[in-house]
Amino acid sequence: MRAVVTTGAGGPEVLSVGDVAEPTAAAGEVLIDVVATAVNRADTMQRQGFYPPPPGASEVVGLECSGRIAALGEGVEGWSVGDEVCALLAGGGYAARVAVPVGQVMPIPAGVSLVEAACLPEVASTVWSNVYMTAHLQKGERFLVHGGAGGIGTMAIQLAAARGAEVFTTAGSPEKLELCRSLGAAHAIDYREDDFVEVLTEAGGADVILDNMGAKYLGRNVTALATGGRLVIIGMQGGTKGELDINALLRKRASVTATSLRARPLAEKAAICCGVVENVWPLVASGAIRPIVEATMPLEDVARAHRAMEDGGHAGKFVLTL
């Protein structure tokens, strides 16, 4: 079948479309004919050799997809061949077909096209699991997400605002700041000009921070927390090693949690996907949350999509169609 293949670790130029063996649906799995997939930061890390798939997962890049069910593995109930679905993947999304554990298969939210749906599973699962299942953000609390114009950021702003939080975010251009405001951010902070720590401190501190920068922002994030605040780290774009002020955490009775989604046990992923369908999809169907797509490209343009992702000038997600 057609899929993205790599010629070793490196830049976007190592990506091309070729032929690989077609997967089959094992017991408890669903085989999906992929219509579209989306590019995530983790995909670029895998391409560079820094983020290998977990044992047993497809070596093909791609952490989410949308499409139609082609076959059902033994024991799968509740789905039929031909159903339109989207799915959270451990790998394999940049391909014509992918086999997925049934617990990670989700219906397409009402009002969303099959192509647009490809960019929802990874960001919705990441935000729901971290901001709500881990950090327990409550209505009326102050929430800060860094990189508000990115895929995670645009979902986090919309979901937190729709559920009644006061949303703060950082971005690096007037256009991105305006997008963040349009999505529900009450406070959009230009990180090139302003200090998010000062803004949050003046407001009383952040109850929850969702951070993809890691070491670079660690100390400042802790300073920006409110008493009882929760910092959740989901990325390390700003480095892997930082100094943590334990005294500051103790004084604030605050917590720091680092999480990843890809390698979680199947039962945990299934619980997350159930939570997304129950709590996020109705907001998508109502229009309170919408997919933010920077561009749609054919699968053959995968290298161009990765290059554009790494250039950083985009808002939302890049979608690849098959």
C-alpha atoms as a PDB file:
ATOM      1  CA  MET A   1       0.000   0.000   0.000  1.00  0.00           C
ATOM      2  CA  ARG A   2       0.985   3.653  -0.373  1.00  0.00           C
ATOM      3  CA  ALA A   3       2.667   5.174   2.690  1.00  0.00           C
ATOM      4  CA  VAL A   4       5.319   7.676   3.717  1.00  0.00           C
ATOM      5  CA  VAL A   5       8.738   6.049   4.051  1.00  0.00           C
ATOM      6  CA  THR A   6      11.990   7.451   5.410  1.00  0.00           C
ATOM      7  CA  THR A   7      15.598   7.047   4.339  1.00  0.00           C
ATOM      8  CA  GLY A   8      17.026   7.306   7.843  1.00  0.00           C
ATOM      9  CA  ALA A   9      16.811  10.070  10.432  1.00  0.00           C
ATOM     10  CA  GLY A  10      17.170  13.647   9.242  1.00  0.00           C
ATOM     11  CA  GLY A  11      15.397  16.645   7.783  1.00  0.00           C
ATOM     12  CA  PRO A  12      12.166  16.706   5.773  1.00  0.00           C
ATOM     13  CA  GLU A  13      14.086  15.543   2.717  1.00  0.00           C
ATOM     14  CA  VAL A  14      14.245  11.978   4.142  1.00  0.00           C
ATOM     15  CA  LEU A  15      10.462  11.656   3.659  1.00  0.00           C
ATOM     16  CA  SER A  16       8.885  10.299   0.478  1.00  0.00           C
ATOM     17  CA  VAL A  17       5.912   8.183  -0.571  1.00  0.00           C
ATOM     18  CA  GLY A  18       6.513   4.503  -1.365  1.00  0.00           C
ATOM     19  CA  ASP A  19       5.040   1.053  -0.893  1.00  0.00           C
ATOM     20  CA  VAL A  20       4.883  -0.847   2.405  1.00  0.00           C
ATOM     21  CA  ALA A  21       3.107  -3.992   3.557  1.00  0.00           C
ATOM     22  CA  GLU A  22      -0.592  -3.553   4.238  1.00  0.00           C
ATOM     23  CA  PRO A  23      -1.690  -4.080   7.865  1.00  0.00           C
ATOM     24  CA  THR A  24      -4.482  -6.403   8.966  1.00  0.00           C
ATOM     25  CA  ALA A  25      -6.934  -6.022  11.826  1.00  0.00           C
ATOM     26  CA  ALA A  26      -5.958  -8.238  14.740  1.00  0.00           C
ATOM     27  CA  ALA A  27      -8.405  -9.183  17.483  1.00  0.00           C
ATOM     28  CA  GLY A  28      -9.781  -6.051  19.087  1.00  0.00           C
ATOM     29  CA  GLU A  29      -8.643  -3.832  16.215  1.00  0.00           C
ATOM     30  CA  VAL A  30     -10.286  -1.902  13.398  1.00  0.00           C
ATOM     31  CA  LEU A  31      -8.738  -1.482   9.939  1.00  0.00           C
ATOM     32  CA  ILE A  32      -9.266   1.998   8.519  1.00  0.00           C
ATOM     33  CA  ASP A  33      -9.023   3.201   4.916  1.00  0.00           C
ATOM     34  CA  VAL A  34      -7.306   6.524   5.583  1.00  0.00           C
ATOM     35  CA  VAL A  35      -8.778   9.629   3.965  1.00  0.00           C
ATOM     36  CA  ALA A  36      -6.587  12.163   5.779  1.00  0.00           C
ATOM     37  CA  THR A  37      -3.964  12.461   8.482  1.00  0.00           C
ATOM     38  CA  ALA A  38      -2.394  15.445  10.243  1.00  0.00           C
ATOM     39  CA  VAL A  39       1.135  16.577  11.041  1.00  0.00           C
ATOM     40  CA  ASN A  40       2.145  16.833  14.693  1.00  0.00           C
ATOM     41  CA  ARG A  41       5.322  18.049  16.384  1.00  0.00           C
ATOM     42  CA  ALA A  42       5.945  14.475  17.509  1.00  0.00           C
ATOM     43  CA  ASP A  43       6.051  13.424  13.846  1.00  0.00           C
ATOM     44  CA  THR A  44       8.958  15.767  13.174  1.00  0.00           C
ATOM     45  CA  MET A  45      10.760  14.374  16.229  1.00  0.00           C
ATOM     46  CA  GLN A  46      10.256  10.805  15.019  1.00  0.00           C
ATOM     47  CA  ARG A  47      11.604  11.774  11.605  1.00  0.00           C
ATOM     48  CA  GLN A  48      14.720  13.158  13.290  1.00  0.00           C
ATOM     49  CA  GLY A  49      15.228   9.916  15.244  1.00  0.00           C
ATOM     50  CA  PHE A  50      14.277  11.297  18.679  1.00  0.00           C
ATOM     51  CA  TYR A  51      10.826   9.767  19.216  1.00  0.00           C
ATOM     52  CA  PRO A  52      10.583   6.119  18.127  1.00  0.00           C
ATOM     53  CA  PRO A  53       7.215   4.362  18.139  1.00  0.00           C
ATOM     54  CA  PRO A  54       6.394   2.171  21.141  1.00  0.00           C
ATOM     55  CA  PRO A  55       6.972  -1.594  20.810  1.00  0.00           C
ATOM     56  CA  GLY A  56       4.532  -3.204  18.404  1.00  0.00           C
ATOM     57  CA  ALA A  57       3.403   0.053  16.789  1.00  0.00           C
ATOM     58  CA  SER A  58       3.776   0.807  13.085  1.00  0.00           C
ATOM     59  CA  GLU A  59       7.093   2.318  12.040  1.00  0.00           C
ATOM     60  CA  VAL A  60       5.187   4.599   9.657  1.00  0.00           C
ATOM     61  CA  VAL A  61       4.867   8.154  11.009  1.00  0.00           C
ATOM     62  CA  GLY A  62       1.448   9.536  11.945  1.00  0.00           C
ATOM     63  CA  LEU A  63      -0.472   9.802  15.231  1.00  0.00           C
ATOM     64  CA  GLU A  64      -4.015  10.450  14.001  1.00  0.00           C
ATOM     65  CA  CYS A  65      -6.236   9.913  11.004  1.00  0.00           C
ATOM     66  CA  SER A  66      -9.745   9.998   9.615  1.00  0.00           C
ATOM     67  CA  GLY A  67     -11.304   7.567   7.187  1.00  0.00           C
ATOM     68  CA  ARG A  68     -13.719   4.692   6.695  1.00  0.00           C
ATOM     69  CA  ILE A  69     -13.700   1.308   8.390  1.00  0.00           C
ATOM     70  CA  ALA A  70     -12.431  -1.368   5.984  1.00  0.00           C
ATOM     71  CA  ALA A  71     -12.508  -4.411   8.285  1.00  0.00           C
ATOM     72  CA  LEU A  72     -13.231  -5.424  11.871  1.00  0.00           C
ATOM     73  CA  GLY A  73     -10.959  -7.666  13.914  1.00  0.00           C
ATOM     74  CA  GLU A  74     -12.253 -10.533  16.000  1.00  0.00           C
ATOM     75  CA  GLY A  75     -14.383  -9.435  18.935  1.00  0.00           C
ATOM     76  CA  VAL A  76     -15.002  -5.874  17.733  1.00  0.00           C
ATOM     77  CA  GLU A  77     -18.562  -4.677  18.288  1.00  0.00           C
ATOM     78  CA  GLY A  78     -20.370  -1.377  17.858  1.00  0.00           C
ATOM     79  CA  TRP A  79     -18.832  -0.516  14.459  1.00  0.00           C
ATOM     80  CA  SER A  80     -19.580  -1.550  10.878  1.00  0.00           C
ATOM     81  CA  VAL A  81     -17.553  -1.661   7.679  1.00  0.00           C
ATOM     82  CA  GLY A  82     -18.008   1.681   5.915  1.00  0.00           C
ATOM     83  CA  ASP A  83     -18.478   3.780   9.074  1.00  0.00           C
ATOM     84  CA  GLU A  84     -16.731   7.150   8.914  1.00  0.00           C
ATOM     85  CA  VAL A  85     -14.387   7.547  11.879  1.00  0.00           C
ATOM     86  CA  CYS A  86     -11.315   9.295  13.234  1.00  0.00           C
ATOM     87  CA  ALA A  87      -8.697   7.673  15.427  1.00  0.00           C
ATOM     88  CA  LEU A  88      -5.839   8.247  17.845  1.00  0.00           C
ATOM     89  CA  LEU A  89      -2.808   6.238  16.718  1.00  0.00           C
ATOM     90  CA  ALA A  90       0.511   5.057  18.120  1.00  0.00           C
ATOM     91  CA  GLY A  91       1.824   5.243  14.552  1.00  0.00           C
ATOM     92  CA  GLY A  92       0.923   4.466  10.956  1.00  0.00           C
ATOM     93  CA  GLY A  93      -1.226   7.460  10.036  1.00  0.00           C
ATOM     94  CA  TYR A  94       0.768   8.522   6.962  1.00  0.00           C
ATOM     95  CA  ALA A  95      -0.514   5.514   4.998  1.00  0.00           C
ATOM     96  CA  ALA A  96      -3.448   4.287   2.938  1.00  0.00           C
ATOM     97  CA  ARG A  97      -4.560   1.897   5.679  1.00  0.00           C
ATOM     98  CA  VAL A  98      -3.927   1.609   9.416  1.00  0.00           C
ATOM     99  CA  ALA A  99      -4.947  -0.909  12.079  1.00  0.00           C
ATOM    100  CA  VAL A 100      -6.141   0.678  15.330  1.00  0.00           C
ATOM    101  CA  PRO A 101      -7.235  -0.702  18.727  1.00  0.00           C
ATOM    102  CA  VAL A 102     -11.010  -0.275  18.812  1.00  0.00           C
ATOM    103  CA  GLY A 103     -10.862   1.847  21.986  1.00  0.00           C
ATOM    104  CA  GLN A 104      -9.028   4.568  20.061  1.00  0.00           C
ATOM    105  CA  VAL A 105     -11.592   4.794  17.263  1.00  0.00           C
ATOM    106  CA  MET A 106     -14.045   7.683  17.539  1.00  0.00           C
ATOM    107  CA  PRO A 107     -17.029   8.897  15.506  1.00  0.00           C
ATOM    108  CA  ILE A 108     -16.674  12.010  13.372  1.00  0.00           C
ATOM    109  CA  PRO A 109     -18.106  14.977  15.324  1.00  0.00           C
ATOM    110  CA  ALA A 110     -21.320  16.302  13.801  1.00  0.00           C
ATOM    111  CA  GLY A 111     -20.757  19.154  11.364  1.00  0.00           C
ATOM    112  CA  VAL A 112     -17.085  18.344  10.733  1.00  0.00           C
ATOM    113  CA  SER A 113     -15.870  17.117   7.354  1.00  0.00           C
ATOM    114  CA  LEU A 114     -14.013  13.835   7.093  1.00  0.00           C
ATOM    115  CA  VAL A 115     -10.825  15.680   6.093  1.00  0.00           C
ATOM    116  CA  GLU A 116     -11.068  18.246   8.914  1.00  0.00           C
ATOM    117  CA  ALA A 117     -11.630  15.460  11.437  1.00  0.00           C
ATOM    118  CA  ALA A 118      -8.105  14.158  10.808  1.00  0.00           C
ATOM    119  CA  CYS A 119      -6.623  16.991  12.847  1.00  0.00           C
ATOM    120  CA  LEU A 120      -8.783  16.468  15.955  1.00  0.00           C
ATOM    121  CA  PRO A 121      -7.904  13.164  17.719  1.00  0.00           C
ATOM    122  CA  GLU A 122      -4.351  13.952  18.858  1.00  0.00           C
ATOM    123  CA  VAL A 123      -4.978  17.519  20.057  1.00  0.00           C
ATOM    124  CA  ALA A 124      -8.336  16.746  21.645  1.00  0.00           C
ATOM    125  CA  SER A 125      -6.919  13.716  23.467  1.00  0.00           C
ATOM    126  CA  THR A 126      -3.820  15.628  24.577  1.00  0.00           C
ATOM    127  CA  VAL A 127      -5.748  18.598  25.920  1.00  0.00           C
ATOM    128  CA  TRP A 128      -8.550  16.601  27.548  1.00  0.00           C
ATOM    129  CA  SER A 129      -6.194  14.150  29.250  1.00  0.00           C
ATOM    130  CA  ASN A 130      -3.763  16.757  30.531  1.00  0.00           C
ATOM    131  CA  VAL A 131      -5.872  19.806  31.311  1.00  0.00           C
ATOM    132  CA  TYR A 132      -8.908  17.978  32.691  1.00  0.00           C
ATOM    133  CA  MET A 133      -8.048  14.378  33.616  1.00  0.00           C
ATOM    134  CA  THR A 134      -4.630  15.276  35.086  1.00  0.00           C
ATOM    135  CA  ALA A 135      -4.760  18.958  36.125  1.00  0.00           C
ATOM    136  CA  HIS A 136      -8.534  19.069  36.806  1.00  0.00           C
ATOM    137  CA  LEU A 137      -9.089  22.597  35.494  1.00  0.00           C
ATOM    138  CA  GLN A 138     -12.299  24.010  36.973  1.00  0.00           C
ATOM    139  CA  LYS A 139     -14.774  26.614  35.786  1.00  0.00           C
ATOM    140  CA  GLY A 140     -13.597  30.103  36.785  1.00  0.00           C
ATOM    141  CA  GLU A 141      -9.945  29.108  37.197  1.00  0.00           C
ATOM    142  CA  ARG A 142      -7.112  30.834  35.343  1.00  0.00           C
ATOM    143  CA  PHE A 143      -5.529  28.717  32.604  1.00  0.00           C
ATOM    144  CA  LEU A 144      -2.337  29.441  30.651  1.00  0.00           C
ATOM    145  CA  VAL A 145      -1.328  27.591  27.487  1.00  0.00           C
ATOM    146  CA  HIS A 146       1.886  28.415  25.669  1.00  0.00           C
ATOM    147  CA  GLY A 147       1.941  28.559  21.872  1.00  0.00           C
ATOM    148  CA  GLY A 148      -1.732  29.391  21.578  1.00  0.00           C
ATOM    149  CA  ALA A 149      -1.777  29.472  17.776  1.00  0.00           C
ATOM    150  CA  GLY A 150      -0.462  25.913  17.351  1.00  0.00           C
ATOM    151  CA  GLY A 151      -2.500  22.739  17.107  1.00  0.00           C
ATOM    152  CA  ILE A 152      -2.506  22.034  20.852  1.00  0.00           C
ATOM    153  CA  GLY A 153      -2.902  25.699  21.708  1.00  0.00           C
ATOM    154  CA  THR A 154      -5.924  26.344  19.502  1.00  0.00           C
ATOM    155  CA  MET A 155      -7.717  23.313  20.955  1.00  0.00           C
ATOM    156  CA  ALA A 156      -6.742  24.174  24.539  1.00  0.00           C
ATOM    157  CA  ILE A 157      -7.966  27.771  24.244  1.00  0.00           C
ATOM    158  CA  GLN A 158     -11.311  26.745  22.801  1.00  0.00           C
ATOM    159  CA  LEU A 159     -11.971  23.887  25.207  1.00  0.00           C
ATOM    160  CA  ALA A 160     -10.963  25.805  28.330  1.00  0.00           C
ATOM    161  CA  ALA A 161     -12.968  28.874  27.302  1.00  0.00           C
ATOM    162  CA  ALA A 162     -16.032  26.791  26.429  1.00  0.00           C
ATOM    163  CA  ARG A 163     -15.890  25.155  29.872  1.00  0.00           C
ATOM    164  CA  GLY A 164     -15.694  28.477  31.686  1.00  0.00           C
ATOM    165  CA  ALA A 165     -12.007  29.055  32.452  1.00  0.00           C
ATOM    166  CA  GLU A 166     -10.264  32.425  32.156  1.00  0.00           C
ATOM    167  CA  VAL A 167      -7.780  31.739  29.367  1.00  0.00           C
ATOM    168  CA  PHE A 168      -4.301  33.233  29.048  1.00  0.00           C
ATOM    169  CA  THR A 169      -2.010  32.338  26.170  1.00  0.00           C
ATOM    170  CA  THR A 170       1.286  33.308  24.548  1.00  0.00           C
ATOM    171  CA  ALA A 171       1.985  33.829  20.849  1.00  0.00           C
ATOM    172  CA  GLY A 172       4.579  35.634  18.759  1.00  0.00           C
ATOM    173  CA  SER A 173       2.831  37.796  16.142  1.00  0.00           C
ATOM    174  CA  PRO A 174      -0.141  40.195  15.949  1.00  0.00           C
ATOM    175  CA  GLU A 175      -1.953  37.771  13.635  1.00  0.00           C
ATOM    176  CA  LYS A 176      -1.516  34.835  15.993  1.00  0.00           C
ATOM    177  CA  LEU A 177      -2.531  36.915  18.997  1.00  0.00           C
ATOM    178  CA  GLU A 178      -5.707  37.971  17.213  1.00  0.00           C
ATOM    179  CA  LEU A 179      -6.486  34.359  16.320  1.00  0.00           C
ATOM    180  CA  CYS A 180      -6.087  33.379  19.974  1.00  0.00           C
ATOM    181  CA  ARG A 181      -8.498  36.115  21.047  1.00  0.00           C
ATOM    182  CA  SER A 182     -11.013  35.004  18.414  1.00  0.00           C
ATOM    183  CA  LEU A 183     -10.878  31.463  19.829  1.00  0.00           C
ATOM    184  CA  GLY A 184     -11.667  32.588  23.382  1.00  0.00           C
ATOM    185  CA  ALA A 185      -8.420  33.747  24.993  1.00  0.00           C
ATOM    186  CA  ALA A 186      -9.199  36.589  27.374  1.00  0.00           C
ATOM    187  CA  HIS A 187      -5.501  37.516  27.578  1.00  0.00           C
ATOM    188  CA  ALA A 188      -3.197  37.022  24.565  1.00  0.00           C
ATOM    189  CA  ILE A 189       0.427  37.784  25.510  1.00  0.00           C
ATOM    190  CA  ASP A 190       3.117  38.638  22.954  1.00  0.00           C
ATOM    191  CA  TYR A 191       6.056  36.642  24.295  1.00  0.00           C
ATOM    192  CA  ARG A 192       8.475  38.745  22.236  1.00  0.00           C
ATOM    193  CA  GLU A 193       7.382  41.957  23.944  1.00  0.00           C
ATOM    194  CA  ASP A 194       5.753  41.081  27.268  1.00  0.00           C
ATOM    195  CA  ASP A 195       6.496  38.835  30.256  1.00  0.00           C
ATOM    196  CA  PHE A 196       3.801  36.233  30.831  1.00  0.00           C
ATOM    197  CA  VAL A 197       4.990  35.848  34.445  1.00  0.00           C
ATOM    198  CA  GLU A 198       4.192  39.481  35.184  1.00  0.00           C
ATOM    199  CA  VAL A 199       0.790  39.241  33.515  1.00  0.00           C
ATOM    200  CA  LEU A 200      -0.186  36.107  35.431  1.00  0.00           C
ATOM    201  CA  THR A 201       1.224  37.332  38.736  1.00  0.00           C
ATOM    202  CA  GLU A 202      -0.791  40.523  38.473  1.00  0.00           C
ATOM    203  CA  ALA A 203      -3.909  38.447  37.744  1.00  0.00           C
ATOM    204  CA  GLY A 204      -3.336  36.227  40.793  1.00  0.00           C
ATOM    205  CA  GLY A 205      -1.401  33.374  39.212  1.00  0.00           C
ATOM    206  CA  ALA A 206      -2.314  30.512  36.907  1.00  0.00           C
ATOM    207  CA  ASP A 207      -4.264  27.629  38.393  1.00  0.00           C
ATOM    208  CA  VAL A 208      -3.217  25.392  35.477  1.00  0.00           C
ATOM    209  CA  ILE A 209      -0.407  25.793  32.929  1.00  0.00           C
ATOM    210  CA  LEU A 210      -0.070  23.579  29.850  1.00  0.00           C
ATOM    211  CA  ASP A 211       3.527  23.829  28.618  1.00  0.00           C
ATOM    212  CA  ASN A 212       5.289  22.455  25.558  1.00  0.00           C
ATOM    213  CA  MET A 213       8.595  24.272  26.111  1.00  0.00           C
ATOM    214  CA  GLY A 214      10.042  22.266  28.985  1.00  0.00           C
ATOM    215  CA  ALA A 215      13.334  23.416  30.489  1.00  0.00           C
ATOM    216  CA  LYS A 216      13.350  26.919  29.014  1.00  0.00           C
ATOM    217  CA  TYR A 217      10.127  27.903  30.784  1.00  0.00           C
ATOM    218  CA  LEU A 218      10.308  25.676  33.870  1.00  0.00           C
ATOM    219  CA  GLY A 219      11.337  28.289  36.445  1.00  0.00           C
ATOM    220  CA  ARG A 220       9.121  31.014  35.006  1.00  0.00           C
ATOM    221  CA  ASN A 221       6.136  28.703  34.855  1.00  0.00           C
ATOM    222  CA  VAL A 222       6.518  27.831  38.537  1.00  0.00           C
ATOM    223  CA  THR A 223       6.740  31.542  39.386  1.00  0.00           C
ATOM    224  CA  ALA A 224       3.551  32.172  37.389  1.00  0.00           C
ATOM    225  CA  LEU A 225       1.544  29.523  39.258  1.00  0.00           C
ATOM    226  CA  ALA A 226      -1.085  30.421  41.817  1.00  0.00           C
ATOM    227  CA  THR A 227      -1.252  28.764  45.213  1.00  0.00           C
ATOM    228  CA  GLY A 228      -2.312  25.192  44.524  1.00  0.00           C
ATOM    229  CA  GLY A 229      -1.397  25.604  40.872  1.00  0.00           C
ATOM    230  CA  ARG A 230      -0.728  22.689  38.529  1.00  0.00           C
ATOM    231  CA  LEU A 231       1.939  22.775  35.816  1.00  0.00           C
ATOM    232  CA  VAL A 232       1.662  20.057  33.154  1.00  0.00           C
ATOM    233  CA  ILE A 233       4.629  19.658  30.798  1.00  0.00           C
ATOM    234  CA  ILE A 234       3.930  17.908  27.496  1.00  0.00           C
ATOM    235  CA  GLY A 235       6.943  18.906  25.386  1.00  0.00           C
ATOM    236  CA  MET A 236      10.557  19.948  25.420  1.00  0.00           C
ATOM    237  CA  GLN A 237      10.955  22.387  22.535  1.00  0.00           C
ATOM    238  CA  GLY A 238      12.927  24.581  24.927  1.00  0.00           C
ATOM    239  CA  GLY A 239      15.266  21.876  26.210  1.00  0.00           C
ATOM    240  CA  THR A 240      15.270  18.822  28.440  1.00  0.00           C
ATOM    241  CA  LYS A 241      17.132  19.873  31.594  1.00  0.00           C
ATOM    242  CA  GLY A 242      16.135  22.726  33.878  1.00  0.00           C
ATOM    243  CA  GLU A 243      16.399  23.745  37.530  1.00  0.00           C
ATOM    244  CA  LEU A 244      13.320  23.284  39.683  1.00  0.00           C
ATOM    245  CA  ASP A 245      12.862  25.473  42.774  1.00  0.00           C
ATOM    246  CA  ILE A 246      11.374  23.016  45.285  1.00  0.00           C
ATOM    247  CA  ASN A 247      10.980  25.779  47.860  1.00  0.00           C
ATOM    248  CA  ALA A 248       8.784  27.745  45.460  1.00  0.00           C
ATOM    249  CA  LEU A 249       6.610  24.671  44.905  1.00  0.00           C
ATOM    250  CA  LEU A 250       6.306  24.076  48.642  1.00  0.00           C
ATOM    251  CA  ARG A 251       5.349  27.675  49.344  1.00  0.00           C
ATOM    252  CA  LYS A 252       2.627  27.506  46.713  1.00  0.00           C
ATOM    253  CA  ARG A 253       1.592  23.915  47.428  1.00  0.00           C
ATOM    254  CA  ALA A 254       1.918  23.508  43.682  1.00  0.00           C
ATOM    255  CA  SER A 255       2.660  20.511  41.487  1.00  0.00           C
ATOM    256  CA  VAL A 256       4.582  19.726  38.299  1.00  0.00           C
ATOM    257  CA  THR A 257       3.561  16.788  36.132  1.00  0.00           C
ATOM    258  CA  ALA A 258       5.199  15.595  32.909  1.00  0.00           C
ATOM    259  CA  THR A 259       3.151  13.376  30.619  1.00  0.00           C
ATOM    260  CA  SER A 260       3.133  11.772  27.195  1.00  0.00           C
ATOM    261  CA  LEU A 261       0.263  10.164  25.314  1.00  0.00           C
ATOM    262  CA  ARG A 262       1.729   7.847  22.701  1.00  0.00           C
ATOM    263  CA  ALA A 263       3.114   5.093  24.925  1.00  0.00           C
ATOM    264  CA  ARG A 264       0.243   4.908  27.417  1.00  0.00           C
ATOM    265  CA  PRO A 265      -1.447   1.527  27.939  1.00  0.00           C
ATOM    266  CA  LEU A 266      -4.394   0.772  25.653  1.00  0.00           C
ATOM    267  CA  ALA A 267      -6.881   0.986  28.521  1.00  0.00           C
ATOM    268  CA  GLU A 268      -5.739   4.510  29.382  1.00  0.00           C
ATOM    269  CA  LYS A 269      -5.968   5.633  25.764  1.00  0.00           C
ATOM    270  CA  ALA A 270      -9.436   4.133  25.489  1.00  0.00           C
ATOM    271  CA  ALA A 271     -10.541   6.025  28.613  1.00  0.00           C
ATOM    272  CA  ILE A 272      -9.151   9.252  27.182  1.00  0.00           C
ATOM    273  CA  CYS A 273     -10.949   8.731  23.872  1.00  0.00           C
ATOM    274  CA  CYS A 274     -14.201   8.020  25.725  1.00  0.00           C
ATOM    275  CA  GLY A 275     -13.745  11.273  27.612  1.00  0.00           C
ATOM    276  CA  VAL A 276     -13.126  13.153  24.382  1.00  0.00           C
ATOM    277  CA  VAL A 277     -16.260  11.773  22.735  1.00  0.00           C
ATOM    278  CA  GLU A 278     -18.368  12.529  25.817  1.00  0.00           C
ATOM    279  CA  ASN A 279     -16.997  15.970  26.672  1.00  0.00           C
ATOM    280  CA  VAL A 280     -15.289  17.488  23.627  1.00  0.00           C
ATOM    281  CA  TRP A 281     -17.266  16.265  20.614  1.00  0.00           C
ATOM    282  CA  PRO A 282     -20.543  17.937  21.742  1.00  0.00           C
ATOM    283  CA  LEU A 283     -18.693  21.264  21.868  1.00  0.00           C
ATOM    284  CA  VAL A 284     -17.350  20.650  18.364  1.00  0.00           C
ATOM    285  CA  ALA A 285     -20.836  19.791  17.137  1.00  0.00           C
ATOM    286  CA  SER A 286     -22.242  22.973  18.678  1.00  0.00           C
ATOM    287  CA  GLY A 287     -19.593  25.154  17.024  1.00  0.00           C
ATOM    288  CA  ALA A 288     -17.963  26.160  20.320  1.00  0.00           C
ATOM    289  CA  ILE A 289     -14.811  24.344  19.137  1.00  0.00           C
ATOM    290  CA  ARG A 290     -13.715  24.195  15.499  1.00  0.00           C
ATOM    291  CA  PRO A 291     -10.776  22.526  13.774  1.00  0.00           C
ATOM    292  CA  ILE A 292      -8.072  25.036  12.863  1.00  0.00           C
ATOM    293  CA  VAL A 293      -6.399  23.987   9.601  1.00  0.00           C
ATOM    294  CA  GLU A 294      -3.465  25.983   8.228  1.00  0.00           C
ATOM    295  CA  ALA A 295      -3.311  24.064   4.956  1.00  0.00           C
ATOM    296  CA  THR A 296      -4.405  20.834   3.298  1.00  0.00           C
ATOM    297  CA  MET A 297      -1.881  19.035   1.086  1.00  0.00           C
ATOM    298  CA  PRO A 298      -1.666  15.694  -0.702  1.00  0.00           C
ATOM    299  CA  LEU A 299       0.366  12.982   1.008  1.00  0.00           C
ATOM    300  CA  GLU A 300       3.097  13.413  -1.611  1.00  0.00           C
ATOM    301  CA  ASP A 301       3.780  16.890  -0.160  1.00  0.00           C
ATOM    302  CA  VAL A 302       4.683  15.462   3.255  1.00  0.00           C
ATOM    303  CA  ALA A 303       8.190  16.945   3.204  1.00  0.00           C
ATOM    304  CA  ARG A 304       6.781  20.392   2.447  1.00  0.00           C
ATOM    305  CA  ALA A 305       4.310  20.035   5.314  1.00  0.00           C
ATOM    306  CA  HIS A 306       7.082  19.077   7.757  1.00  0.00           C
ATOM    307  CA  ARG A 307       9.218  21.968   6.574  1.00  0.00           C
ATOM    308  CA  ALA A 308       6.342  24.415   7.062  1.00  0.00           C
ATOM    309  CA  MET A 309       5.630  22.999  10.523  1.00  0.00           C
ATOM    310  CA  GLU A 310       9.239  23.545  11.579  1.00  0.00           C
ATOM    311  CA  ASP A 311       9.328  27.077  10.128  1.00  0.00           C
ATOM    312  CA  GLY A 312       6.777  28.011  12.781  1.00  0.00           C
ATOM    313  CA  GLY A 313       4.764  30.595  10.886  1.00  0.00           C
ATOM    314  CA  HIS A 314       1.583  28.542  10.812  1.00  0.00           C
ATOM    315  CA  ALA A 315      -1.580  28.532  12.895  1.00  0.00           C
ATOM    316  CA  GLY A 316      -3.403  25.295  13.612  1.00  0.00           C
ATOM    317  CA  LYS A 317      -2.565  22.072  11.780  1.00  0.00           C
ATOM    318  CA  PHE A 318      -1.357  20.789   8.431  1.00  0.00           C
ATOM    319  CA  VAL A 319      -3.584  18.048   7.003  1.00  0.00           C
ATOM    320  CA  LEU A 320      -2.361  15.465   4.491  1.00  0.00           C
ATOM    321  CA  THR A 321      -4.952  13.836   2.224  1.00  0.00           C
ATOM    322  CA  LEU A 322      -4.840  10.482   0.473  1.00  0.00           C
END
